Amino acid sequence: MTSYSALTTIKGEDAASRLAEDLETLTPEPTGVGVFEIEDGSGLWEVAAYFTNPPDAGGLAVLSALHLAKPFNISDIPEQDWVSKVQRELAPVLAGRFFVYGSHDADKVPDDKVPLLIDAAMAFGTGHHGTTKGCLEAFDTLLSDGFAGQRILDVGCGTAVLAMAAAKMLPHPVLASDIDPVAVEVAQANVIGNDLQNRVNCVVAAGFDAPVLSENGPYDMVFANILKAPLIGLAPDMGVHIADDGYAILSGILNEQANDVISVYQQNGFNLIQKRVIVDWTTLILRKNRPNFD
């Protein structure tokens, strides 16, 4: 089976990061995105996207024009090669106290950081996307403020990097769910790779209608790094299944969408605690209000 790559070059790291993040909005969505510097003194960066289905050539042309990048070079590649290529290109990511890395960078883990090993490039959430990094930094902020919740859920877990971060910092088991069975398989592999198989339970579930999610609440904190529409759709259930004074860490939100998401969650009993922006993406920390019976 053939998979596909789309490669371009662009001037500057910030511009390359913005282009890489916009690639995530394509349909079909890339299964991996890499950004790395061309070390020839030119200041150019290469942006590489990998697809299991033929990419949208028109969409790629529009993105390259909008970002003033070179036109994308689309190529067929053997399926077994692209995962290892993405892994080689992904540099470690520091997000607060957390250090996200691939096994090829195991020798770079700082002694004073919490390591999170992510080798699977087939699911969203390697830590390199602004949304995942934003969620880790938001969680780091809550930990610094003394958060010590017992019931934690990661909805739309992807690689389970957020669930694993919680499991490494808190003494109680963490639940991770995704609607995609392949993502759950990847998540389980990552959990085993981080020796957290007794600490993170990965399940296939579509929202809180699934008994495994609804019966394990109320939650002290829920991660939901998905997209605007499903986040808004989940808001009423979040209001029901998050404990009073509990937290929601939400991302997958473009900056211009943030106020809409905030408004809907306020209508469902949450207050905004923090709004964090990384390039084009916003991460929110919201706290569930305690009912006022006066």
C-alpha atoms as a PDB file:
ATOM      1  CA  MET A   1       0.000   0.000   0.000  1.00  0.00           C
ATOM      2  CA  THR A   2       1.327   3.419  -0.971  1.00  0.00           C
ATOM      3  CA  SER A   3       1.436   6.451   1.298  1.00  0.00           C
ATOM      4  CA  TYR A   4       2.349   9.994   0.349  1.00  0.00           C
ATOM      5  CA  SER A   5       4.622  12.878   1.326  1.00  0.00           C
ATOM      6  CA  ALA A   6       4.311  16.592   0.613  1.00  0.00           C
ATOM      7  CA  LEU A   7       7.449  18.685   1.089  1.00  0.00           C
ATOM      8  CA  THR A   8       8.150  22.408   0.857  1.00  0.00           C
ATOM      9  CA  THR A   9      10.625  24.979   2.130  1.00  0.00           C
ATOM     10  CA  ILE A  10       9.951  28.334   3.740  1.00  0.00           C
ATOM     11  CA  LYS A  11      11.983  31.124   5.296  1.00  0.00           C
ATOM     12  CA  GLY A  12      12.111  31.219   9.101  1.00  0.00           C
ATOM     13  CA  GLU A  13      11.129  28.938  11.981  1.00  0.00           C
ATOM     14  CA  ASP A  14       7.955  30.830  12.967  1.00  0.00           C
ATOM     15  CA  ALA A  15       6.660  30.800   9.401  1.00  0.00           C
ATOM     16  CA  ALA A  16       7.413  27.072   9.134  1.00  0.00           C
ATOM     17  CA  SER A  17       5.538  26.375  12.384  1.00  0.00           C
ATOM     18  CA  ARG A  18       2.488  28.314  11.204  1.00  0.00           C
ATOM     19  CA  LEU A  19       2.431  26.436   7.912  1.00  0.00           C
ATOM     20  CA  ALA A  20       2.799  23.099   9.711  1.00  0.00           C
ATOM     21  CA  GLU A  21      -0.158  23.900  11.941  1.00  0.00           C
ATOM     22  CA  ASP A  22      -2.328  24.917   8.981  1.00  0.00           C
ATOM     23  CA  LEU A  23      -1.531  21.575   7.358  1.00  0.00           C
ATOM     24  CA  GLU A  24      -3.497  19.945  10.199  1.00  0.00           C
ATOM     25  CA  THR A  25      -6.691  21.546   8.790  1.00  0.00           C
ATOM     26  CA  LEU A  26      -6.481  19.744   5.438  1.00  0.00           C
ATOM     27  CA  THR A  27      -8.833  16.982   4.365  1.00  0.00           C
ATOM     28  CA  PRO A  28      -7.586  14.294   4.215  1.00  0.00           C
ATOM     29  CA  GLU A  29      -5.640  15.170   7.352  1.00  0.00           C
ATOM     30  CA  PRO A  30      -1.922  14.391   7.417  1.00  0.00           C
ATOM     31  CA  THR A  31      -0.905  11.491   9.623  1.00  0.00           C
ATOM     32  CA  GLY A  32       2.321  13.244  10.559  1.00  0.00           C
ATOM     33  CA  VAL A  33       3.936  16.658  10.127  1.00  0.00           C
ATOM     34  CA  GLY A  34       7.626  17.475  10.554  1.00  0.00           C
ATOM     35  CA  VAL A  35       9.398  20.845  10.685  1.00  0.00           C
ATOM     36  CA  PHE A  36      13.184  21.079  10.645  1.00  0.00           C
ATOM     37  CA  GLU A  37      15.923  23.508   9.724  1.00  0.00           C
ATOM     38  CA  ILE A  38      18.026  23.114   6.603  1.00  0.00           C
ATOM     39  CA  GLU A  39      21.465  23.586   8.092  1.00  0.00           C
ATOM     40  CA  ASP A  40      23.161  25.365   5.212  1.00  0.00           C
ATOM     41  CA  GLY A  41      23.013  28.926   6.535  1.00  0.00           C
ATOM     42  CA  SER A  42      20.140  29.840   4.208  1.00  0.00           C
ATOM     43  CA  GLY A  43      17.583  30.329   6.986  1.00  0.00           C
ATOM     44  CA  LEU A  44      15.218  27.946   5.175  1.00  0.00           C
ATOM     45  CA  TRP A  45      13.100  25.361   6.955  1.00  0.00           C
ATOM     46  CA  GLU A  46      11.564  22.262   5.446  1.00  0.00           C
ATOM     47  CA  VAL A  47       7.953  21.398   6.226  1.00  0.00           C
ATOM     48  CA  ALA A  48       6.974  17.799   5.535  1.00  0.00           C
ATOM     49  CA  ALA A  49       3.502  16.253   5.728  1.00  0.00           C
ATOM     50  CA  TYR A  50       2.707  12.556   5.409  1.00  0.00           C
ATOM     51  CA  PHE A  51      -0.592  11.028   4.272  1.00  0.00           C
ATOM     52  CA  THR A  52      -2.087   7.555   4.013  1.00  0.00           C
ATOM     53  CA  ASN A  53      -4.488   8.802   1.305  1.00  0.00           C
ATOM     54  CA  PRO A  54      -3.649  11.012  -1.695  1.00  0.00           C
ATOM     55  CA  PRO A  55      -3.344  14.588  -0.380  1.00  0.00           C
ATOM     56  CA  ASP A  56      -5.401  17.513  -1.632  1.00  0.00           C
ATOM     57  CA  ALA A  57      -3.027  19.053  -4.185  1.00  0.00           C
ATOM     58  CA  GLY A  58      -5.223  22.132  -4.518  1.00  0.00           C
ATOM     59  CA  GLY A  59      -5.324  22.689  -0.769  1.00  0.00           C
ATOM     60  CA  LEU A  60      -1.561  22.307  -0.560  1.00  0.00           C
ATOM     61  CA  ALA A  61      -1.126  24.849  -3.375  1.00  0.00           C
ATOM     62  CA  VAL A  62      -3.336  27.333  -1.553  1.00  0.00           C
ATOM     63  CA  LEU A  63      -1.394  26.883   1.705  1.00  0.00           C
ATOM     64  CA  SER A  64       1.995  27.317   0.034  1.00  0.00           C
ATOM     65  CA  ALA A  65       0.782  30.507  -1.679  1.00  0.00           C
ATOM     66  CA  LEU A  66      -0.760  31.939   1.494  1.00  0.00           C
ATOM     67  CA  HIS A  67       2.413  31.288   3.491  1.00  0.00           C
ATOM     68  CA  LEU A  68       4.799  32.390   0.718  1.00  0.00           C
ATOM     69  CA  ALA A  69       6.410  28.965   0.665  1.00  0.00           C
ATOM     70  CA  LYS A  70       7.737  27.010  -2.295  1.00  0.00           C
ATOM     71  CA  PRO A  71       5.090  24.832  -4.011  1.00  0.00           C
ATOM     72  CA  PHE A  72       4.694  21.452  -2.304  1.00  0.00           C
ATOM     73  CA  ASN A  73       6.431  18.503  -3.927  1.00  0.00           C
ATOM     74  CA  ILE A  74       4.046  15.539  -3.599  1.00  0.00           C
ATOM     75  CA  SER A  75       5.579  12.067  -3.804  1.00  0.00           C
ATOM     76  CA  ASP A  76       4.563   8.454  -3.327  1.00  0.00           C
ATOM     77  CA  ILE A  77       6.524   6.644  -0.627  1.00  0.00           C
ATOM     78  CA  PRO A  78       6.532   3.070   0.705  1.00  0.00           C
ATOM     79  CA  GLU A  79       4.261   2.900   3.739  1.00  0.00           C
ATOM     80  CA  GLN A  80       6.911   1.418   5.992  1.00  0.00           C
ATOM     81  CA  ASP A  81       9.280   4.372   5.512  1.00  0.00           C
ATOM     82  CA  TRP A  82       7.288   7.459   6.514  1.00  0.00           C
ATOM     83  CA  VAL A  83       6.818   6.695  10.205  1.00  0.00           C
ATOM     84  CA  SER A  84      10.546   6.305  10.787  1.00  0.00           C
ATOM     85  CA  LYS A  85      11.189   9.456   8.759  1.00  0.00           C
ATOM     86  CA  VAL A  86       8.784  11.508  10.872  1.00  0.00           C
ATOM     87  CA  GLN A  87      10.358  10.129  14.040  1.00  0.00           C
ATOM     88  CA  ARG A  88      13.833  11.161  12.883  1.00  0.00           C
ATOM     89  CA  GLU A  89      12.621  14.664  12.105  1.00  0.00           C
ATOM     90  CA  LEU A  90      10.768  15.309  15.382  1.00  0.00           C
ATOM     91  CA  ALA A  91      12.962  17.131  17.860  1.00  0.00           C
ATOM     92  CA  PRO A  92      12.180  16.816  21.586  1.00  0.00           C
ATOM     93  CA  VAL A  93       9.618  19.249  22.985  1.00  0.00           C
ATOM     94  CA  LEU A  94       9.808  20.975  26.369  1.00  0.00           C
ATOM     95  CA  ALA A  95       6.389  21.928  27.807  1.00  0.00           C
ATOM     96  CA  GLY A  96       6.654  23.160  31.373  1.00  0.00           C
ATOM     97  CA  ARG A  97       8.037  20.295  33.472  1.00  0.00           C
ATOM     98  CA  PHE A  98       7.335  17.776  30.683  1.00  0.00           C
ATOM     99  CA  PHE A  99       9.812  16.572  28.052  1.00  0.00           C
ATOM    100  CA  VAL A 100       8.282  14.819  25.034  1.00  0.00           C
ATOM    101  CA  TYR A 101      10.764  12.784  23.007  1.00  0.00           C
ATOM    102  CA  GLY A 102      11.218   9.834  20.659  1.00  0.00           C
ATOM    103  CA  SER A 103      13.336   6.814  21.523  1.00  0.00           C
ATOM    104  CA  HIS A 104      16.013   8.112  19.140  1.00  0.00           C
ATOM    105  CA  ASP A 105      16.469  11.054  21.560  1.00  0.00           C
ATOM    106  CA  ALA A 106      16.489   9.045  24.795  1.00  0.00           C
ATOM    107  CA  ASP A 107      19.965  10.327  25.613  1.00  0.00           C
ATOM    108  CA  LYS A 108      18.681  13.941  25.637  1.00  0.00           C
ATOM    109  CA  VAL A 109      16.147  13.609  28.489  1.00  0.00           C
ATOM    110  CA  PRO A 110      17.016  16.153  31.226  1.00  0.00           C
ATOM    111  CA  ASP A 111      17.263  14.782  34.751  1.00  0.00           C
ATOM    112  CA  ASP A 112      14.934  17.453  36.119  1.00  0.00           C
ATOM    113  CA  LYS A 113      12.057  16.916  33.647  1.00  0.00           C
ATOM    114  CA  VAL A 114       9.180  14.438  33.433  1.00  0.00           C
ATOM    115  CA  PRO A 115       9.843  12.282  30.356  1.00  0.00           C
ATOM    116  CA  LEU A 116       7.065  11.293  27.958  1.00  0.00           C
ATOM    117  CA  LEU A 117       8.147   8.843  25.265  1.00  0.00           C
ATOM    118  CA  ILE A 118       6.091   9.149  22.059  1.00  0.00           C
ATOM    119  CA  ASP A 119       7.293   7.058  19.136  1.00  0.00           C
ATOM    120  CA  ALA A 120       4.048   6.641  17.201  1.00  0.00           C
ATOM    121  CA  ALA A 121       3.545   9.205  14.446  1.00  0.00           C
ATOM    122  CA  MET A 122       0.211   7.773  13.305  1.00  0.00           C
ATOM    123  CA  ALA A 123      -2.005   9.635  15.756  1.00  0.00           C
ATOM    124  CA  PHE A 124      -2.446  13.250  16.696  1.00  0.00           C
ATOM    125  CA  GLY A 125      -0.568  14.443  19.763  1.00  0.00           C
ATOM    126  CA  THR A 126       3.189  14.145  19.546  1.00  0.00           C
ATOM    127  CA  GLY A 127       3.699  17.320  21.573  1.00  0.00           C
ATOM    128  CA  HIS A 128       4.970  19.235  18.535  1.00  0.00           C
ATOM    129  CA  HIS A 129       1.585  20.694  17.697  1.00  0.00           C
ATOM    130  CA  GLY A 130       0.708  23.924  19.513  1.00  0.00           C
ATOM    131  CA  THR A 131      -2.451  22.378  20.936  1.00  0.00           C
ATOM    132  CA  THR A 132      -0.724  19.447  22.644  1.00  0.00           C
ATOM    133  CA  LYS A 133       2.079  21.639  23.938  1.00  0.00           C
ATOM    134  CA  GLY A 134      -0.515  24.120  25.197  1.00  0.00           C
ATOM    135  CA  CYS A 135      -2.375  21.396  27.106  1.00  0.00           C
ATOM    136  CA  LEU A 136       0.823  20.156  28.748  1.00  0.00           C
ATOM    137  CA  GLU A 137       1.767  23.698  29.757  1.00  0.00           C
ATOM    138  CA  ALA A 138      -1.757  24.291  31.103  1.00  0.00           C
ATOM    139  CA  PHE A 139      -1.564  21.114  33.183  1.00  0.00           C
ATOM    140  CA  ASP A 140       1.859  22.196  34.421  1.00  0.00           C
ATOM    141  CA  THR A 141       0.277  25.483  35.565  1.00  0.00           C
ATOM    142  CA  LEU A 142      -2.442  23.666  37.531  1.00  0.00           C
ATOM    143  CA  LEU A 143       0.131  21.396  39.163  1.00  0.00           C
ATOM    144  CA  SER A 144       2.172  24.434  40.200  1.00  0.00           C
ATOM    145  CA  ASP A 145      -0.999  25.871  41.751  1.00  0.00           C
ATOM    146  CA  GLY A 146      -1.455  22.733  43.853  1.00  0.00           C
ATOM    147  CA  PHE A 147      -3.870  20.655  41.761  1.00  0.00           C
ATOM    148  CA  ALA A 148      -4.078  17.079  43.076  1.00  0.00           C
ATOM    149  CA  GLY A 149      -7.250  15.649  41.519  1.00  0.00           C
ATOM    150  CA  GLN A 150      -8.122  11.960  41.698  1.00  0.00           C
ATOM    151  CA  ARG A 151     -10.332  11.315  38.656  1.00  0.00           C
ATOM    152  CA  ILE A 152      -8.792  12.352  35.343  1.00  0.00           C
ATOM    153  CA  LEU A 153     -10.092  11.802  31.813  1.00  0.00           C
ATOM    154  CA  ASP A 154      -8.425  12.454  28.437  1.00  0.00           C
ATOM    155  CA  VAL A 155     -11.164  12.671  25.752  1.00  0.00           C
ATOM    156  CA  GLY A 156      -9.970  12.209  22.166  1.00  0.00           C
ATOM    157  CA  CYS A 157      -6.664  11.019  23.555  1.00  0.00           C
ATOM    158  CA  GLY A 158      -4.738  10.405  20.303  1.00  0.00           C
ATOM    159  CA  THR A 159      -1.316   9.242  21.437  1.00  0.00           C
ATOM    160  CA  ALA A 160      -2.423   9.473  25.123  1.00  0.00           C
ATOM    161  CA  VAL A 161       0.401  11.923  25.853  1.00  0.00           C
ATOM    162  CA  LEU A 162      -1.874  14.027  28.084  1.00  0.00           C
ATOM    163  CA  ALA A 163      -3.214  11.035  29.983  1.00  0.00           C
ATOM    164  CA  MET A 164       0.330   9.797  30.525  1.00  0.00           C
ATOM    165  CA  ALA A 165       1.437  13.206  31.799  1.00  0.00           C
ATOM    166  CA  ALA A 166      -1.371  13.068  34.364  1.00  0.00           C
ATOM    167  CA  ALA A 167      -0.526   9.494  35.331  1.00  0.00           C
ATOM    168  CA  LYS A 168       3.104  10.424  35.933  1.00  0.00           C
ATOM    169  CA  MET A 169       2.193  13.323  38.212  1.00  0.00           C
ATOM    170  CA  LEU A 170      -0.859  12.054  40.114  1.00  0.00           C
ATOM    171  CA  PRO A 171      -1.238   8.857  42.169  1.00  0.00           C
ATOM    172  CA  HIS A 172      -4.556   7.686  40.714  1.00  0.00           C
ATOM    173  CA  PRO A 173      -5.365   5.785  37.481  1.00  0.00           C
ATOM    174  CA  VAL A 174      -6.236   7.884  34.425  1.00  0.00           C
ATOM    175  CA  LEU A 175      -8.850   7.120  31.762  1.00  0.00           C
ATOM    176  CA  ALA A 176      -8.057   7.860  28.097  1.00  0.00           C
ATOM    177  CA  SER A 177     -10.677   7.567  25.354  1.00  0.00           C
ATOM    178  CA  ASP A 178     -10.847   8.039  21.594  1.00  0.00           C
ATOM    179  CA  ILE A 179     -13.508   7.400  18.986  1.00  0.00           C
ATOM    180  CA  ASP A 180     -10.865   5.925  16.638  1.00  0.00           C
ATOM    181  CA  PRO A 181      -9.840   2.308  17.422  1.00  0.00           C
ATOM    182  CA  VAL A 182      -6.496   2.820  15.653  1.00  0.00           C
ATOM    183  CA  ALA A 183      -5.719   5.811  17.875  1.00  0.00           C
ATOM    184  CA  VAL A 184      -6.540   3.711  20.938  1.00  0.00           C
ATOM    185  CA  GLU A 185      -4.134   0.998  19.750  1.00  0.00           C
ATOM    186  CA  VAL A 186      -1.413   3.621  19.333  1.00  0.00           C
ATOM    187  CA  ALA A 187      -2.245   5.062  22.754  1.00  0.00           C
ATOM    188  CA  GLN A 188      -1.976   1.632  24.375  1.00  0.00           C
ATOM    189  CA  ALA A 189       1.409   1.066  22.741  1.00  0.00           C
ATOM    190  CA  ASN A 190       2.646   4.407  24.089  1.00  0.00           C
ATOM    191  CA  VAL A 191       1.318   3.616  27.551  1.00  0.00           C
ATOM    192  CA  ILE A 192       3.270   0.350  27.559  1.00  0.00           C
ATOM    193  CA  GLY A 193       6.364   2.139  26.226  1.00  0.00           C
ATOM    194  CA  ASN A 194       6.201   4.500  29.220  1.00  0.00           C
ATOM    195  CA  ASP A 195       5.603   1.618  31.688  1.00  0.00           C
ATOM    196  CA  LEU A 196       2.194   3.035  32.610  1.00  0.00           C
ATOM    197  CA  GLN A 197       0.034   0.056  31.661  1.00  0.00           C
ATOM    198  CA  ASN A 198      -1.330  -0.191  35.214  1.00  0.00           C
ATOM    199  CA  ARG A 199      -1.919   3.572  35.423  1.00  0.00           C
ATOM    200  CA  VAL A 200      -3.662   4.523  32.145  1.00  0.00           C
ATOM    201  CA  ASN A 201      -6.728   2.728  30.796  1.00  0.00           C
ATOM    202  CA  CYS A 202      -7.280   3.334  27.061  1.00  0.00           C
ATOM    203  CA  VAL A 203     -10.793   2.731  25.712  1.00  0.00           C
ATOM    204  CA  VAL A 204     -12.755   3.234  22.496  1.00  0.00           C
ATOM    205  CA  ALA A 205     -15.617   5.589  23.349  1.00  0.00           C
ATOM    206  CA  ALA A 206     -17.642   8.317  21.632  1.00  0.00           C
ATOM    207  CA  GLY A 207     -18.180  10.903  24.344  1.00  0.00           C
ATOM    208  CA  PHE A 208     -19.917  10.602  27.681  1.00  0.00           C
ATOM    209  CA  ASP A 209     -22.720   8.404  26.323  1.00  0.00           C
ATOM    210  CA  ALA A 210     -20.284   5.514  26.720  1.00  0.00           C
ATOM    211  CA  PRO A 211     -20.866   3.902  30.140  1.00  0.00           C
ATOM    212  CA  VAL A 212     -17.129   3.570  30.798  1.00  0.00           C
ATOM    213  CA  LEU A 213     -16.879   7.383  30.729  1.00  0.00           C
ATOM    214  CA  SER A 214     -20.142   8.337  32.418  1.00  0.00           C
ATOM    215  CA  GLU A 215     -19.805   5.813  35.243  1.00  0.00           C
ATOM    216  CA  ASN A 216     -16.274   6.806  36.247  1.00  0.00           C
ATOM    217  CA  GLY A 217     -17.081  10.461  36.952  1.00  0.00           C
ATOM    218  CA  PRO A 218     -17.446  13.022  38.225  1.00  0.00           C
ATOM    219  CA  TYR A 219     -13.983  14.047  37.050  1.00  0.00           C
ATOM    220  CA  ASP A 220     -11.620  16.447  38.762  1.00  0.00           C
ATOM    221  CA  MET A 221     -10.054  17.268  35.397  1.00  0.00           C
ATOM    222  CA  VAL A 222     -10.832  16.505  31.766  1.00  0.00           C
ATOM    223  CA  PHE A 223      -8.436  17.048  28.865  1.00  0.00           C
ATOM    224  CA  ALA A 224     -10.140  17.540  25.492  1.00  0.00           C
ATOM    225  CA  ASN A 225      -7.705  18.371  22.697  1.00  0.00           C
ATOM    226  CA  ILE A 226     -10.000  17.952  19.722  1.00  0.00           C
ATOM    227  CA  LEU A 227     -11.696  20.653  17.588  1.00  0.00           C
ATOM    228  CA  LYS A 228     -14.141  23.534  18.096  1.00  0.00           C
ATOM    229  CA  ALA A 229     -17.331  21.769  16.987  1.00  0.00           C
ATOM    230  CA  PRO A 230     -16.954  18.629  19.143  1.00  0.00           C
ATOM    231  CA  LEU A 231     -15.768  20.749  22.080  1.00  0.00           C
ATOM    232  CA  ILE A 232     -18.957  22.800  21.867  1.00  0.00           C
ATOM    233  CA  GLY A 233     -21.000  19.612  21.489  1.00  0.00           C
ATOM    234  CA  LEU A 234     -19.407  18.188  24.640  1.00  0.00           C
ATOM    235  CA  ALA A 235     -20.038  21.296  26.771  1.00  0.00           C
ATOM    236  CA  PRO A 236     -23.344  20.167  28.361  1.00  0.00           C
ATOM    237  CA  ASP A 237     -21.904  16.754  29.248  1.00  0.00           C
ATOM    238  CA  MET A 238     -18.769  18.412  30.608  1.00  0.00           C
ATOM    239  CA  GLY A 239     -21.032  20.456  32.875  1.00  0.00           C
ATOM    240  CA  VAL A 240     -22.599  17.244  34.167  1.00  0.00           C
ATOM    241  CA  HIS A 241     -19.554  14.988  34.439  1.00  0.00           C
ATOM    242  CA  ILE A 242     -16.923  17.387  35.803  1.00  0.00           C
ATOM    243  CA  ALA A 243     -17.005  17.807  39.569  1.00  0.00           C
ATOM    244  CA  ASP A 244     -17.676  21.163  41.203  1.00  0.00           C
ATOM    245  CA  ASP A 245     -14.418  23.126  41.208  1.00  0.00           C
ATOM    246  CA  GLY A 246     -13.042  20.632  38.674  1.00  0.00           C
ATOM    247  CA  TYR A 247     -11.154  21.697  35.549  1.00  0.00           C
ATOM    248  CA  ALA A 248     -11.449  21.336  31.797  1.00  0.00           C
ATOM    249  CA  ILE A 249      -8.309  21.835  29.705  1.00  0.00           C
ATOM    250  CA  LEU A 250      -9.493  22.402  26.137  1.00  0.00           C
ATOM    251  CA  SER A 251      -7.574  22.832  22.890  1.00  0.00           C
ATOM    252  CA  GLY A 252      -7.747  22.223  19.160  1.00  0.00           C
ATOM    253  CA  ILE A 253      -9.160  25.748  19.029  1.00  0.00           C
ATOM    254  CA  LEU A 254      -8.047  28.306  16.460  1.00  0.00           C
ATOM    255  CA  ASN A 255      -7.473  31.698  18.084  1.00  0.00           C
ATOM    256  CA  GLU A 256     -10.491  33.265  16.396  1.00  0.00           C
ATOM    257  CA  GLN A 257     -12.707  30.428  17.714  1.00  0.00           C
ATOM    258  CA  ALA A 258     -11.753  30.780  21.365  1.00  0.00           C
ATOM    259  CA  ASN A 259     -14.455  33.252  22.412  1.00  0.00           C
ATOM    260  CA  ASP A 260     -17.197  31.027  20.985  1.00  0.00           C
ATOM    261  CA  VAL A 261     -15.932  28.049  22.984  1.00  0.00           C
ATOM    262  CA  ILE A 262     -15.556  30.125  26.145  1.00  0.00           C
ATOM    263  CA  SER A 263     -19.105  31.475  25.803  1.00  0.00           C
ATOM    264  CA  VAL A 264     -20.665  28.018  25.460  1.00  0.00           C
ATOM    265  CA  TYR A 265     -18.759  26.661  28.452  1.00  0.00           C
ATOM    266  CA  GLN A 266     -19.737  29.667  30.566  1.00  0.00           C
ATOM    267  CA  GLN A 267     -23.353  28.871  29.714  1.00  0.00           C
ATOM    268  CA  ASN A 268     -22.727  25.365  31.058  1.00  0.00           C
ATOM    269  CA  GLY A 269     -21.321  26.443  34.409  1.00  0.00           C
ATOM    270  CA  PHE A 270     -17.619  27.119  33.817  1.00  0.00           C
ATOM    271  CA  ASN A 271     -15.379  30.111  34.474  1.00  0.00           C
ATOM    272  CA  LEU A 272     -12.327  30.908  32.355  1.00  0.00           C
ATOM    273  CA  ILE A 273      -9.129  30.561  34.385  1.00  0.00           C
ATOM    274  CA  GLN A 274      -6.483  30.912  31.697  1.00  0.00           C
ATOM    275  CA  LYS A 275      -6.251  31.461  27.936  1.00  0.00           C
ATOM    276  CA  ARG A 276      -2.930  30.363  26.413  1.00  0.00           C
ATOM    277  CA  VAL A 277      -1.979  31.130  22.782  1.00  0.00           C
ATOM    278  CA  ILE A 278       0.716  29.269  20.809  1.00  0.00           C
ATOM    279  CA  VAL A 279       0.971  30.647  17.264  1.00  0.00           C
ATOM    280  CA  ASP A 280      -2.514  30.059  15.734  1.00  0.00           C
ATOM    281  CA  TRP A 281      -3.924  27.856  18.497  1.00  0.00           C
ATOM    282  CA  THR A 282      -5.574  28.597  21.844  1.00  0.00           C
ATOM    283  CA  THR A 283      -5.668  26.395  24.940  1.00  0.00           C
ATOM    284  CA  LEU A 284      -8.205  27.111  27.686  1.00  0.00           C
ATOM    285  CA  ILE A 285      -8.293  26.257  31.370  1.00  0.00           C
ATOM    286  CA  LEU A 286     -11.876  26.403  32.660  1.00  0.00           C
ATOM    287  CA  ARG A 287     -13.187  25.638  36.162  1.00  0.00           C
ATOM    288  CA  LYS A 288     -16.630  24.246  36.946  1.00  0.00           C
ATOM    289  CA  ASN A 289     -18.613  26.575  39.214  1.00  0.00           C
ATOM    290  CA  ARG A 290     -19.843  25.332  42.560  1.00  0.00           C
ATOM    291  CA  PRO A 291     -23.647  25.750  42.701  1.00  0.00           C
ATOM    292  CA  ASN A 292     -24.921  28.753  44.667  1.00  0.00           C
ATOM    293  CA  PHE A 293     -27.926  27.754  46.794  1.00  0.00           C
ATOM    294  CA  ASP A 294     -28.399  31.168  48.394  1.00  0.00           C
END
